[in-house]
Amino acid sequence: MGTADHSIVSFRIFGDDLVPSEVTSLLACEPTKAFAKGDVRIGSTTGNRYVERTGRWSLTAEDRYPEDIPAQISEVLSKLSEDPAAWALLRSRFTMDFFCGVFMGTSNDGLEFSPELLEKLSSRGISLNLDIYDACED
């Protein structure tokens, strides 16, 4: 089993009544991106206008070469409040996940997550979302 080529990771919170400044205050951290439902944003590459269908708050980790999703998740979590009351409130009101994009180096690479890391996610009510991109083989 080889090592995946690289990975991207973003912690995301979604909800129709999400107010970005409230989430920022609860987590004691500025987001990478944040929008309230109904906000209009301009696509960075297309210039198209998009109306946000729901609120979103996200914090992105540095990309890793080779893949190191556990380190990226730990990087993000280290920036966020550890206050259990804040996490309980977020868990009760919003959907939260770590979006992880994994770009495989070969068709038989693997990933592993420790029980300790999974417990950190579980205790906060955070899902793990893996998007796995197979290596292009000619």
N, C-alpha and C. Protein backbone atom coordinates (compact mmCIF):
# COMPACT_ATOMS: atom_id res chain seq x y z
N MET A 1 0.85 -1.17 0.00
CA MET A 1 0.00 0.00 0.00
C MET A 1 0.89 1.23 0.00
N GLY A 2 0.65 2.15 -0.92
CA GLY A 2 1.45 3.36 -1.03
C GLY A 2 0.85 4.52 -0.25
N THR A 3 1.42 5.68 -0.48
CA THR A 3 0.95 6.90 0.17
C THR A 3 0.26 7.76 -0.87
N ALA A 4 -0.87 8.33 -0.49
CA ALA A 4 -1.59 9.20 -1.41
C ALA A 4 -0.72 10.41 -1.75
N ASP A 5 -0.87 10.92 -2.95
CA ASP A 5 -0.06 12.00 -3.47
C ASP A 5 -0.23 13.29 -2.67
N HIS A 6 -1.47 13.75 -2.50
CA HIS A 6 -1.69 14.96 -1.70
C HIS A 6 -3.13 15.04 -1.22
N SER A 7 -3.36 15.96 -0.29
CA SER A 7 -4.70 16.09 0.29
C SER A 7 -5.02 17.55 0.59
N ILE A 8 -6.33 17.83 0.52
CA ILE A 8 -6.86 19.13 0.90
C ILE A 8 -7.93 18.90 1.96
N VAL A 9 -8.00 19.79 2.95
CA VAL A 9 -8.94 19.60 4.06
C VAL A 9 -9.56 20.94 4.43
N SER A 10 -10.87 20.91 4.64
CA SER A 10 -11.58 22.10 5.07
C SER A 10 -12.64 21.71 6.09
N PHE A 11 -12.66 22.40 7.23
CA PHE A 11 -13.71 22.24 8.23
C PHE A 11 -14.86 23.15 7.82
N ARG A 12 -16.08 22.59 7.75
CA ARG A 12 -17.23 23.35 7.26
C ARG A 12 -18.40 23.24 8.22
N ILE A 13 -19.11 24.34 8.36
CA ILE A 13 -20.34 24.39 9.15
C ILE A 13 -21.41 24.98 8.24
N PHE A 14 -22.59 24.32 8.19
CA PHE A 14 -23.69 24.77 7.34
C PHE A 14 -24.97 24.92 8.16
N GLY A 15 -25.79 25.91 7.79
CA GLY A 15 -27.10 26.07 8.41
C GLY A 15 -27.81 27.29 7.88
N ASP A 16 -29.13 27.18 7.72
CA ASP A 16 -29.91 28.30 7.19
C ASP A 16 -29.86 29.53 8.08
N ASP A 17 -29.77 29.33 9.39
CA ASP A 17 -29.73 30.48 10.30
C ASP A 17 -28.33 30.80 10.80
N LEU A 18 -27.32 30.31 10.09
CA LEU A 18 -25.93 30.56 10.48
C LEU A 18 -25.59 32.03 10.26
N VAL A 19 -25.07 32.66 11.31
CA VAL A 19 -24.56 34.02 11.25
C VAL A 19 -23.04 33.91 11.43
N PRO A 20 -22.27 34.17 10.38
CA PRO A 20 -20.83 33.95 10.46
C PRO A 20 -20.15 34.57 11.68
N SER A 21 -20.51 35.77 12.03
CA SER A 21 -19.85 36.42 13.17
C SER A 21 -20.12 35.68 14.49
N GLU A 22 -21.30 35.07 14.62
CA GLU A 22 -21.60 34.29 15.83
C GLU A 22 -20.73 33.04 15.90
N VAL A 23 -20.56 32.36 14.78
CA VAL A 23 -19.72 31.16 14.75
C VAL A 23 -18.27 31.54 15.03
N THR A 24 -17.82 32.63 14.44
CA THR A 24 -16.46 33.11 14.68
C THR A 24 -16.24 33.37 16.17
N SER A 25 -17.22 33.98 16.80
CA SER A 25 -17.12 34.26 18.23
C SER A 25 -17.09 32.98 19.05
N LEU A 26 -17.97 32.02 18.72
CA LEU A 26 -18.01 30.76 19.46
C LEU A 26 -16.71 29.97 19.33
N LEU A 27 -16.13 29.97 18.15
CA LEU A 27 -14.92 29.18 17.90
C LEU A 27 -13.63 29.95 18.15
N ALA A 28 -13.74 31.26 18.41
CA ALA A 28 -12.58 32.10 18.69
C ALA A 28 -11.54 32.02 17.58
N CYS A 29 -12.03 32.04 16.33
CA CYS A 29 -11.15 31.90 15.17
C CYS A 29 -11.82 32.53 13.96
N GLU A 30 -11.03 33.23 13.15
CA GLU A 30 -11.54 33.79 11.90
C GLU A 30 -11.60 32.68 10.85
N PRO A 31 -12.67 32.65 10.05
CA PRO A 31 -12.78 31.62 9.01
C PRO A 31 -11.95 31.95 7.78
N THR A 32 -11.74 30.94 6.96
CA THR A 32 -11.16 31.15 5.64
C THR A 32 -12.22 31.78 4.73
N LYS A 33 -13.46 31.26 4.85
CA LYS A 33 -14.61 31.79 4.10
C LYS A 33 -15.84 31.69 4.98
N ALA A 34 -16.75 32.64 4.81
CA ALA A 34 -18.01 32.58 5.55
C ALA A 34 -19.06 33.39 4.81
N PHE A 35 -20.28 32.83 4.77
CA PHE A 35 -21.41 33.48 4.11
C PHE A 35 -22.68 33.19 4.90
N ALA A 36 -23.58 34.16 4.92
CA ALA A 36 -24.92 33.94 5.46
C ALA A 36 -25.83 33.53 4.30
N LYS A 37 -26.94 32.85 4.62
CA LYS A 37 -27.91 32.48 3.59
C LYS A 37 -28.38 33.76 2.90
N GLY A 38 -28.40 33.72 1.56
CA GLY A 38 -28.84 34.86 0.77
C GLY A 38 -27.73 35.81 0.36
N ASP A 39 -26.53 35.66 0.95
CA ASP A 39 -25.41 36.50 0.52
C ASP A 39 -25.09 36.22 -0.94
N VAL A 40 -24.64 37.24 -1.64
CA VAL A 40 -24.21 37.09 -3.03
C VAL A 40 -22.69 37.10 -3.04
N ARG A 41 -22.12 36.10 -3.70
CA ARG A 41 -20.67 36.06 -3.86
C ARG A 41 -20.34 35.94 -5.34
N ILE A 42 -19.15 36.35 -5.68
CA ILE A 42 -18.68 36.32 -7.07
C ILE A 42 -17.64 35.20 -7.19
N GLY A 43 -17.85 34.29 -8.14
CA GLY A 43 -16.90 33.20 -8.36
C GLY A 43 -15.53 33.74 -8.73
N SER A 44 -14.49 33.24 -8.06
CA SER A 44 -13.14 33.78 -8.27
C SER A 44 -12.59 33.50 -9.67
N THR A 45 -12.96 32.38 -10.26
CA THR A 45 -12.43 32.07 -11.60
C THR A 45 -13.40 32.43 -12.71
N THR A 46 -14.71 32.32 -12.43
CA THR A 46 -15.69 32.57 -13.48
C THR A 46 -16.26 33.99 -13.47
N GLY A 47 -16.23 34.63 -12.31
CA GLY A 47 -16.86 35.95 -12.20
C GLY A 47 -18.38 35.86 -12.10
N ASN A 48 -18.91 34.64 -12.09
CA ASN A 48 -20.37 34.46 -11.97
C ASN A 48 -20.83 34.85 -10.58
N ARG A 49 -22.08 35.31 -10.49
CA ARG A 49 -22.69 35.67 -9.22
C ARG A 49 -23.47 34.47 -8.69
N TYR A 50 -23.29 34.17 -7.40
CA TYR A 50 -23.97 33.06 -6.76
C TYR A 50 -24.68 33.57 -5.51
N VAL A 51 -25.91 33.13 -5.32
CA VAL A 51 -26.64 33.44 -4.10
C VAL A 51 -26.52 32.22 -3.19
N GLU A 52 -25.99 32.43 -1.99
CA GLU A 52 -25.78 31.32 -1.06
C GLU A 52 -27.13 30.76 -0.62
N ARG A 53 -27.31 29.45 -0.79
CA ARG A 53 -28.57 28.79 -0.45
C ARG A 53 -28.69 28.49 1.04
N THR A 54 -27.56 28.49 1.72
CA THR A 54 -27.53 28.28 3.16
C THR A 54 -26.30 28.99 3.71
N GLY A 55 -26.25 29.17 5.01
CA GLY A 55 -25.08 29.79 5.62
C GLY A 55 -23.92 28.80 5.65
N ARG A 56 -22.72 29.35 5.60
CA ARG A 56 -21.52 28.50 5.61
C ARG A 56 -20.40 29.23 6.31
N TRP A 57 -19.67 28.49 7.13
CA TRP A 57 -18.45 28.97 7.79
C TRP A 57 -17.42 27.90 7.57
N SER A 58 -16.23 28.25 7.08
CA SER A 58 -15.22 27.21 6.83
C SER A 58 -13.82 27.71 7.15
N LEU A 59 -13.00 26.74 7.52
CA LEU A 59 -11.59 26.99 7.82
C LEU A 59 -10.78 25.92 7.11
N THR A 60 -9.85 26.34 6.27
CA THR A 60 -9.10 25.43 5.43
C THR A 60 -7.68 25.24 5.95
N ALA A 61 -7.21 24.00 5.91
CA ALA A 61 -5.83 23.68 6.29
C ALA A 61 -4.91 23.87 5.09
N GLU A 62 -3.63 23.95 5.37
CA GLU A 62 -2.64 23.96 4.29
C GLU A 62 -2.69 22.62 3.56
N ASP A 63 -2.59 22.64 2.23
CA ASP A 63 -2.52 21.40 1.45
C ASP A 63 -1.27 20.63 1.86
N ARG A 64 -1.34 19.30 1.77
CA ARG A 64 -0.20 18.47 2.16
C ARG A 64 0.26 17.61 0.98
N TYR A 65 1.58 17.57 0.78
CA TYR A 65 2.25 16.74 -0.21
C TYR A 65 3.35 15.98 0.52
N PRO A 66 3.28 14.69 0.75
CA PRO A 66 2.18 13.78 0.43
C PRO A 66 1.01 13.99 1.39
N GLU A 67 -0.03 13.25 1.17
CA GLU A 67 -1.26 13.34 1.96
C GLU A 67 -0.97 13.18 3.45
N ASP A 68 -1.64 14.02 4.25
CA ASP A 68 -1.56 13.86 5.71
C ASP A 68 -2.83 14.47 6.33
N ILE A 69 -3.95 13.83 6.07
CA ILE A 69 -5.23 14.32 6.57
C ILE A 69 -5.26 14.43 8.09
N PRO A 70 -4.75 13.45 8.85
CA PRO A 70 -4.76 13.62 10.31
C PRO A 70 -4.06 14.90 10.76
N ALA A 71 -2.92 15.23 10.16
CA ALA A 71 -2.20 16.46 10.52
C ALA A 71 -3.00 17.69 10.13
N GLN A 72 -3.68 17.64 8.99
CA GLN A 72 -4.49 18.78 8.55
C GLN A 72 -5.68 19.00 9.49
N ILE A 73 -6.33 17.92 9.88
CA ILE A 73 -7.45 18.04 10.82
C ILE A 73 -6.95 18.59 12.15
N SER A 74 -5.83 18.08 12.63
CA SER A 74 -5.26 18.57 13.89
C SER A 74 -4.88 20.04 13.78
N GLU A 75 -4.35 20.44 12.62
CA GLU A 75 -4.00 21.85 12.38
C GLU A 75 -5.23 22.74 12.56
N VAL A 76 -6.33 22.34 11.95
CA VAL A 76 -7.56 23.14 12.04
C VAL A 76 -8.10 23.13 13.47
N LEU A 77 -8.21 21.95 14.07
CA LEU A 77 -8.76 21.87 15.43
C LEU A 77 -7.94 22.68 16.43
N SER A 78 -6.63 22.77 16.23
CA SER A 78 -5.78 23.51 17.15
C SER A 78 -6.08 25.01 17.14
N LYS A 79 -6.72 25.49 16.08
CA LYS A 79 -7.06 26.91 15.96
C LYS A 79 -8.42 27.24 16.58
N LEU A 80 -9.20 26.20 16.89
CA LEU A 80 -10.58 26.40 17.33
C LEU A 80 -10.72 26.23 18.84
N SER A 81 -11.72 26.90 19.39
CA SER A 81 -12.02 26.78 20.81
C SER A 81 -12.25 25.32 21.18
N GLU A 82 -11.87 24.97 22.41
CA GLU A 82 -12.14 23.63 22.93
C GLU A 82 -13.34 23.63 23.87
N ASP A 83 -14.03 24.75 23.99
CA ASP A 83 -15.14 24.90 24.92
C ASP A 83 -16.27 23.92 24.57
N PRO A 84 -16.55 22.93 25.45
CA PRO A 84 -17.60 21.96 25.16
C PRO A 84 -18.98 22.60 24.95
N ALA A 85 -19.26 23.69 25.65
CA ALA A 85 -20.55 24.36 25.49
C ALA A 85 -20.69 24.96 24.09
N ALA A 86 -19.62 25.51 23.57
CA ALA A 86 -19.65 26.07 22.21
C ALA A 86 -19.92 24.97 21.19
N TRP A 87 -19.22 23.83 21.36
CA TRP A 87 -19.41 22.72 20.42
C TRP A 87 -20.81 22.12 20.55
N ALA A 88 -21.34 22.06 21.75
CA ALA A 88 -22.71 21.54 21.94
C ALA A 88 -23.71 22.43 21.23
N LEU A 89 -23.53 23.74 21.34
CA LEU A 89 -24.43 24.67 20.67
C LEU A 89 -24.33 24.53 19.15
N LEU A 90 -23.12 24.48 18.63
CA LEU A 90 -22.93 24.31 17.18
C LEU A 90 -23.54 23.00 16.70
N ARG A 91 -23.29 21.93 17.44
CA ARG A 91 -23.81 20.60 17.07
C ARG A 91 -25.34 20.59 17.05
N SER A 92 -25.97 21.33 17.97
CA SER A 92 -27.44 21.34 18.06
C SER A 92 -28.10 22.17 16.95
N ARG A 93 -27.35 23.09 16.36
CA ARG A 93 -27.95 24.01 15.39
C ARG A 93 -27.53 23.79 13.94
N PHE A 94 -26.35 23.20 13.73
CA PHE A 94 -25.78 23.17 12.40
C PHE A 94 -25.26 21.79 12.02
N THR A 95 -24.96 21.64 10.74
CA THR A 95 -24.28 20.46 10.21
C THR A 95 -22.81 20.81 10.09
N MET A 96 -21.95 19.93 10.59
CA MET A 96 -20.50 20.19 10.54
C MET A 96 -19.78 18.99 9.94
N ASP A 97 -18.77 19.28 9.14
CA ASP A 97 -17.94 18.19 8.62
C ASP A 97 -16.53 18.66 8.32
N PHE A 98 -15.65 17.69 8.18
CA PHE A 98 -14.34 17.92 7.58
C PHE A 98 -14.44 17.36 6.18
N PHE A 99 -14.33 18.24 5.19
CA PHE A 99 -14.26 17.80 3.81
C PHE A 99 -12.80 17.53 3.50
N CYS A 100 -12.51 16.32 3.05
CA CYS A 100 -11.15 15.91 2.77
C CYS A 100 -11.05 15.41 1.33
N GLY A 101 -10.27 16.09 0.53
CA GLY A 101 -10.00 15.64 -0.83
C GLY A 101 -8.67 14.93 -0.86
N VAL A 102 -8.69 13.68 -1.31
CA VAL A 102 -7.49 12.86 -1.34
C VAL A 102 -7.18 12.53 -2.80
N PHE A 103 -5.98 12.88 -3.23
CA PHE A 103 -5.56 12.63 -4.60
C PHE A 103 -4.54 11.49 -4.56
N MET A 104 -4.98 10.32 -5.01
CA MET A 104 -4.18 9.12 -4.88
C MET A 104 -3.00 9.13 -5.85
N GLY A 105 -1.87 8.59 -5.39
CA GLY A 105 -0.68 8.49 -6.23
C GLY A 105 -0.73 7.26 -7.13
N THR A 106 -1.35 6.19 -6.62
CA THR A 106 -1.54 4.97 -7.40
C THR A 106 -2.95 4.46 -7.11
N SER A 107 -3.33 3.38 -7.75
CA SER A 107 -4.69 2.88 -7.56
C SER A 107 -4.84 2.07 -6.28
N ASN A 108 -3.76 1.87 -5.51
CA ASN A 108 -3.85 1.06 -4.30
C ASN A 108 -3.25 1.78 -3.09
N ASP A 109 -3.50 3.08 -2.96
CA ASP A 109 -3.05 3.83 -1.80
C ASP A 109 -4.06 3.65 -0.68
N GLY A 110 -3.69 4.01 0.52
CA GLY A 110 -4.61 3.85 1.64
C GLY A 110 -4.57 5.02 2.59
N LEU A 111 -5.57 5.06 3.46
CA LEU A 111 -5.69 6.09 4.49
C LEU A 111 -5.96 5.41 5.82
N GLU A 112 -5.50 6.03 6.89
CA GLU A 112 -5.77 5.48 8.22
C GLU A 112 -6.01 6.63 9.19
N PHE A 113 -7.01 6.45 10.07
CA PHE A 113 -7.35 7.46 11.06
C PHE A 113 -7.33 6.81 12.44
N SER A 114 -6.63 7.43 13.37
CA SER A 114 -6.50 6.87 14.71
C SER A 114 -7.81 7.01 15.48
N PRO A 115 -8.04 6.13 16.45
CA PRO A 115 -9.22 6.26 17.30
C PRO A 115 -9.26 7.61 18.03
N GLU A 116 -8.10 8.14 18.40
CA GLU A 116 -8.04 9.42 19.10
C GLU A 116 -8.53 10.56 18.21
N LEU A 117 -8.13 10.56 16.95
CA LEU A 117 -8.58 11.59 16.02
C LEU A 117 -10.09 11.47 15.78
N LEU A 118 -10.56 10.25 15.58
CA LEU A 118 -11.99 10.04 15.35
C LEU A 118 -12.81 10.45 16.57
N GLU A 119 -12.28 10.24 17.77
CA GLU A 119 -12.96 10.67 18.99
C GLU A 119 -13.07 12.19 19.07
N LYS A 120 -12.01 12.89 18.66
CA LYS A 120 -12.05 14.36 18.64
C LYS A 120 -13.17 14.86 17.74
N LEU A 121 -13.35 14.21 16.60
CA LEU A 121 -14.42 14.60 15.68
C LEU A 121 -15.78 14.23 16.26
N SER A 122 -15.91 13.01 16.75
CA SER A 122 -17.16 12.52 17.29
C SER A 122 -17.64 13.36 18.47
N SER A 123 -16.74 13.70 19.37
CA SER A 123 -17.14 14.45 20.56
C SER A 123 -17.64 15.85 20.23
N ARG A 124 -17.25 16.36 19.08
CA ARG A 124 -17.71 17.68 18.64
C ARG A 124 -18.90 17.60 17.68
N GLY A 125 -19.25 16.38 17.27
CA GLY A 125 -20.36 16.22 16.33
C GLY A 125 -19.98 16.51 14.89
N ILE A 126 -18.72 16.25 14.53
CA ILE A 126 -18.21 16.56 13.20
C ILE A 126 -18.10 15.27 12.38
N SER A 127 -18.71 15.28 11.20
CA SER A 127 -18.60 14.16 10.26
C SER A 127 -17.30 14.25 9.48
N LEU A 128 -16.85 13.10 8.97
CA LEU A 128 -15.66 13.03 8.12
C LEU A 128 -16.14 12.70 6.71
N ASN A 129 -15.86 13.59 5.77
CA ASN A 129 -16.33 13.47 4.39
C ASN A 129 -15.11 13.31 3.50
N LEU A 130 -14.95 12.12 2.90
CA LEU A 130 -13.79 11.86 2.04
C LEU A 130 -14.19 11.84 0.58
N ASP A 131 -13.51 12.66 -0.21
CA ASP A 131 -13.62 12.65 -1.66
C ASP A 131 -12.31 12.08 -2.17
N ILE A 132 -12.34 10.91 -2.78
CA ILE A 132 -11.12 10.23 -3.17
C ILE A 132 -11.01 10.23 -4.69
N TYR A 133 -9.89 10.76 -5.17
CA TYR A 133 -9.64 10.87 -6.60
C TYR A 133 -8.57 9.86 -6.97
N ASP A 134 -8.94 8.90 -7.79
CA ASP A 134 -8.02 7.83 -8.19
C ASP A 134 -6.93 8.40 -9.09
N ALA A 135 -5.79 7.78 -9.05
CA ALA A 135 -4.67 8.18 -9.92
C ALA A 135 -5.06 7.93 -11.37
N CYS A 136 -4.66 8.83 -12.22
CA CYS A 136 -4.88 8.65 -13.67
C CYS A 136 -3.78 7.75 -14.19
N GLU A 137 -4.17 6.61 -14.71
CA GLU A 137 -3.17 5.70 -15.24
C GLU A 137 -3.38 5.58 -16.74
N ASP A 138 -2.26 5.68 -17.45
CA ASP A 138 -2.34 5.59 -18.92
C ASP A 138 -2.28 4.18 -19.40
